[in-house]
Amino acid sequence: MRQPPSIDAWGGGGFRVAGLWRPGSLLILDDVARDWSVASLAALTPDDFADVLANRDAVEFVLLGTGLTPGLPSREVRDVLKAAGVGLEFMATEAAARTYNLVASEGRRVAAALIAV
């Protein structure tokens, strides 16, 4: 099992993950940080979770960072994750990044889907 990457900073349109700057939105899945093409909560679709759904055995739940403020993802997004047995917690990106660091350090199988701010 890999060591989960830490989110060291956020803002300015990206994230510093394990000491490296990553511009844009971020998906951390199975302890691997990768680019995520989502730019806003309004643009979020179930297809944006294709990697999560393909690896759902590696994920208990997704922490969704919705941007500067908390927001409710569409019913379609919530229903697709629920049908796959993947939990969803959503909050502002800053709170989601902090929560990810805590939950990942506990060894939980969590994915972080964070919209850049």
C-alpha atoms as a PDB file:
ATOM      1  CA  MET A   1       0.000   0.000   0.000  1.00  0.00           C
ATOM      2  CA  ARG A   2       1.268   3.442  -0.946  1.00  0.00           C
ATOM      3  CA  GLN A   3       1.540   6.345   1.441  1.00  0.00           C
ATOM      4  CA  PRO A   4      -1.344   8.741   0.696  1.00  0.00           C
ATOM      5  CA  PRO A   5      -0.141  12.069  -0.679  1.00  0.00           C
ATOM      6  CA  SER A   6      -0.691  15.069   1.566  1.00  0.00           C
ATOM      7  CA  ILE A   7      -2.384  18.212   0.337  1.00  0.00           C
ATOM      8  CA  ASP A   8      -0.021  20.892   1.601  1.00  0.00           C
ATOM      9  CA  ALA A   9      -1.747  23.979   0.159  1.00  0.00           C
ATOM     10  CA  TRP A  10      -4.673  25.028  -2.029  1.00  0.00           C
ATOM     11  CA  GLY A  11      -5.722  28.168  -3.816  1.00  0.00           C
ATOM     12  CA  GLY A  12      -4.320  30.186  -6.679  1.00  0.00           C
ATOM     13  CA  GLY A  13      -5.992  27.800  -9.116  1.00  0.00           C
ATOM     14  CA  GLY A  14      -4.380  24.585  -7.905  1.00  0.00           C
ATOM     15  CA  PHE A  15      -2.881  22.504  -5.107  1.00  0.00           C
ATOM     16  CA  ARG A  16       0.499  21.675  -3.629  1.00  0.00           C
ATOM     17  CA  VAL A  17       0.467  17.905  -3.188  1.00  0.00           C
ATOM     18  CA  ALA A  18       3.357  16.155  -1.455  1.00  0.00           C
ATOM     19  CA  GLY A  19       5.459  19.267  -2.081  1.00  0.00           C
ATOM     20  CA  LEU A  20       4.688  19.597  -5.812  1.00  0.00           C
ATOM     21  CA  TRP A  21       2.474  22.306  -7.332  1.00  0.00           C
ATOM     22  CA  ARG A  22      -0.400  20.935  -9.444  1.00  0.00           C
ATOM     23  CA  PRO A  23      -2.444  23.520 -11.360  1.00  0.00           C
ATOM     24  CA  GLY A  24      -6.159  22.909 -11.831  1.00  0.00           C
ATOM     25  CA  SER A  25      -8.604  20.571 -10.149  1.00  0.00           C
ATOM     26  CA  LEU A  26      -7.380  17.403  -8.494  1.00  0.00           C
ATOM     27  CA  LEU A  27      -8.489  13.802  -8.071  1.00  0.00           C
ATOM     28  CA  ILE A  28      -6.717  11.590  -5.551  1.00  0.00           C
ATOM     29  CA  LEU A  29      -7.690   7.973  -6.006  1.00  0.00           C
ATOM     30  CA  ASP A  30      -5.963   4.884  -4.617  1.00  0.00           C
ATOM     31  CA  ASP A  31      -3.263   7.174  -3.157  1.00  0.00           C
ATOM     32  CA  VAL A  32      -2.378   8.628  -6.567  1.00  0.00           C
ATOM     33  CA  ALA A  33      -2.882  12.333  -7.349  1.00  0.00           C
ATOM     34  CA  ARG A  34      -4.026  13.079 -10.888  1.00  0.00           C
ATOM     35  CA  ASP A  35      -5.423  15.968 -12.891  1.00  0.00           C
ATOM     36  CA  TRP A  36      -9.219  16.284 -12.868  1.00  0.00           C
ATOM     37  CA  SER A  37     -10.901  18.239 -15.660  1.00  0.00           C
ATOM     38  CA  VAL A  38     -13.789  19.667 -13.590  1.00  0.00           C
ATOM     39  CA  ALA A  39     -13.753  23.471 -13.376  1.00  0.00           C
ATOM     40  CA  SER A  40     -16.993  24.115 -11.453  1.00  0.00           C
ATOM     41  CA  LEU A  41     -19.724  22.396  -9.473  1.00  0.00           C
ATOM     42  CA  ALA A  42     -22.264  23.428 -12.124  1.00  0.00           C
ATOM     43  CA  ALA A  43     -20.270  21.543 -14.786  1.00  0.00           C
ATOM     44  CA  LEU A  44     -19.917  18.342 -12.713  1.00  0.00           C
ATOM     45  CA  THR A  45     -21.437  15.199 -14.301  1.00  0.00           C
ATOM     46  CA  PRO A  46     -21.464  11.497 -13.427  1.00  0.00           C
ATOM     47  CA  ASP A  47     -18.837  10.962 -16.156  1.00  0.00           C
ATOM     48  CA  ASP A  48     -16.389  12.967 -14.039  1.00  0.00           C
ATOM     49  CA  PHE A  49     -16.427  10.072 -11.575  1.00  0.00           C
ATOM     50  CA  ALA A  50     -15.635   7.356 -14.151  1.00  0.00           C
ATOM     51  CA  ASP A  51     -12.224   6.625 -12.573  1.00  0.00           C
ATOM     52  CA  VAL A  52     -13.774   6.425  -9.111  1.00  0.00           C
ATOM     53  CA  LEU A  53     -16.491   4.064 -10.306  1.00  0.00           C
ATOM     54  CA  ALA A  54     -13.977   1.890 -12.170  1.00  0.00           C
ATOM     55  CA  ASN A  55     -11.988   1.576  -8.919  1.00  0.00           C
ATOM     56  CA  ARG A  56     -14.861   1.502  -6.448  1.00  0.00           C
ATOM     57  CA  ASP A  57     -13.329  -1.403  -4.516  1.00  0.00           C
ATOM     58  CA  ALA A  58     -10.540   1.023  -3.522  1.00  0.00           C
ATOM     59  CA  VAL A  59     -12.982   3.695  -2.284  1.00  0.00           C
ATOM     60  CA  GLU A  60     -15.309   3.864   0.717  1.00  0.00           C
ATOM     61  CA  PHE A  61     -16.364   7.397  -0.084  1.00  0.00           C
ATOM     62  CA  VAL A  62     -15.507  10.499  -2.085  1.00  0.00           C
ATOM     63  CA  LEU A  63     -14.712  13.846  -0.506  1.00  0.00           C
ATOM     64  CA  LEU A  64     -15.908  16.386  -3.038  1.00  0.00           C
ATOM     65  CA  GLY A  65     -14.484  19.890  -2.773  1.00  0.00           C
ATOM     66  CA  THR A  66     -17.134  22.078  -4.393  1.00  0.00           C
ATOM     67  CA  GLY A  67     -15.113  25.282  -4.768  1.00  0.00           C
ATOM     68  CA  LEU A  68     -15.051  28.385  -2.569  1.00  0.00           C
ATOM     69  CA  THR A  69     -18.397  27.606  -0.950  1.00  0.00           C
ATOM     70  CA  PRO A  70     -20.260  24.415  -0.099  1.00  0.00           C
ATOM     71  CA  GLY A  71     -22.729  23.326  -2.752  1.00  0.00           C
ATOM     72  CA  LEU A  72     -24.982  20.408  -3.519  1.00  0.00           C
ATOM     73  CA  PRO A  73     -23.913  18.219  -6.465  1.00  0.00           C
ATOM     74  CA  SER A  74     -26.662  17.313  -8.921  1.00  0.00           C
ATOM     75  CA  ARG A  75     -29.089  14.518  -8.101  1.00  0.00           C
ATOM     76  CA  GLU A  76     -27.672  12.580 -11.063  1.00  0.00           C
ATOM     77  CA  VAL A  77     -24.142  12.646  -9.595  1.00  0.00           C
ATOM     78  CA  ARG A  78     -25.383  11.660  -6.138  1.00  0.00           C
ATOM     79  CA  ASP A  79     -27.518   8.826  -7.517  1.00  0.00           C
ATOM     80  CA  VAL A  80     -24.716   7.324  -9.644  1.00  0.00           C
ATOM     81  CA  LEU A  81     -22.312   7.179  -6.708  1.00  0.00           C
ATOM     82  CA  LYS A  82     -24.999   5.809  -4.378  1.00  0.00           C
ATOM     83  CA  ALA A  83     -25.943   3.078  -6.871  1.00  0.00           C
ATOM     84  CA  ALA A  84     -22.264   2.050  -7.025  1.00  0.00           C
ATOM     85  CA  GLY A  85     -22.072   1.838  -3.235  1.00  0.00           C
ATOM     86  CA  VAL A  86     -19.686   4.790  -2.977  1.00  0.00           C
ATOM     87  CA  GLY A  87     -20.412   7.343  -0.270  1.00  0.00           C
ATOM     88  CA  LEU A  88     -20.242  11.067  -0.981  1.00  0.00           C
ATOM     89  CA  GLU A  89     -19.356  13.939   1.330  1.00  0.00           C
ATOM     90  CA  PHE A  90     -19.312  17.413  -0.157  1.00  0.00           C
ATOM     91  CA  MET A  91     -18.007  20.668   1.268  1.00  0.00           C
ATOM     92  CA  ALA A  92     -15.975  23.698   0.227  1.00  0.00           C
ATOM     93  CA  THR A  93     -12.637  22.727  -1.316  1.00  0.00           C
ATOM     94  CA  GLU A  94     -10.598  24.066   1.614  1.00  0.00           C
ATOM     95  CA  ALA A  95     -12.538  21.939   4.107  1.00  0.00           C
ATOM     96  CA  ALA A  96     -12.396  18.897   1.814  1.00  0.00           C
ATOM     97  CA  ALA A  97      -8.605  19.183   1.479  1.00  0.00           C
ATOM     98  CA  ARG A  98      -8.149  19.364   5.263  1.00  0.00           C
ATOM     99  CA  THR A  99     -10.580  16.491   5.799  1.00  0.00           C
ATOM    100  CA  TYR A 100      -8.819  14.377   3.164  1.00  0.00           C
ATOM    101  CA  ASN A 101      -5.480  14.759   4.957  1.00  0.00           C
ATOM    102  CA  LEU A 102      -7.013  13.635   8.236  1.00  0.00           C
ATOM    103  CA  VAL A 103      -9.046  10.727   6.866  1.00  0.00           C
ATOM    104  CA  ALA A 104      -6.253   9.460   4.595  1.00  0.00           C
ATOM    105  CA  SER A 105      -3.786   9.527   7.514  1.00  0.00           C
ATOM    106  CA  GLU A 106      -6.151   7.156   9.334  1.00  0.00           C
ATOM    107  CA  GLY A 107      -5.792   4.638   6.504  1.00  0.00           C
ATOM    108  CA  ARG A 108      -9.347   5.050   5.224  1.00  0.00           C
ATOM    109  CA  ARG A 109     -10.083   4.245   1.580  1.00  0.00           C
ATOM    110  CA  VAL A 110     -11.064   7.723   0.471  1.00  0.00           C
ATOM    111  CA  ALA A 111     -10.956   9.546  -2.825  1.00  0.00           C
ATOM    112  CA  ALA A 112     -10.637  13.328  -2.998  1.00  0.00           C
ATOM    113  CA  ALA A 113     -12.266  15.127  -5.916  1.00  0.00           C
ATOM    114  CA  LEU A 114     -11.315  18.764  -5.472  1.00  0.00           C
ATOM    115  CA  ILE A 115     -12.388  21.669  -7.659  1.00  0.00           C
ATOM    116  CA  ALA A 116      -9.568  24.225  -7.795  1.00  0.00           C
ATOM    117  CA  VAL A 117     -10.124  27.674  -6.306  1.00  0.00           C
END
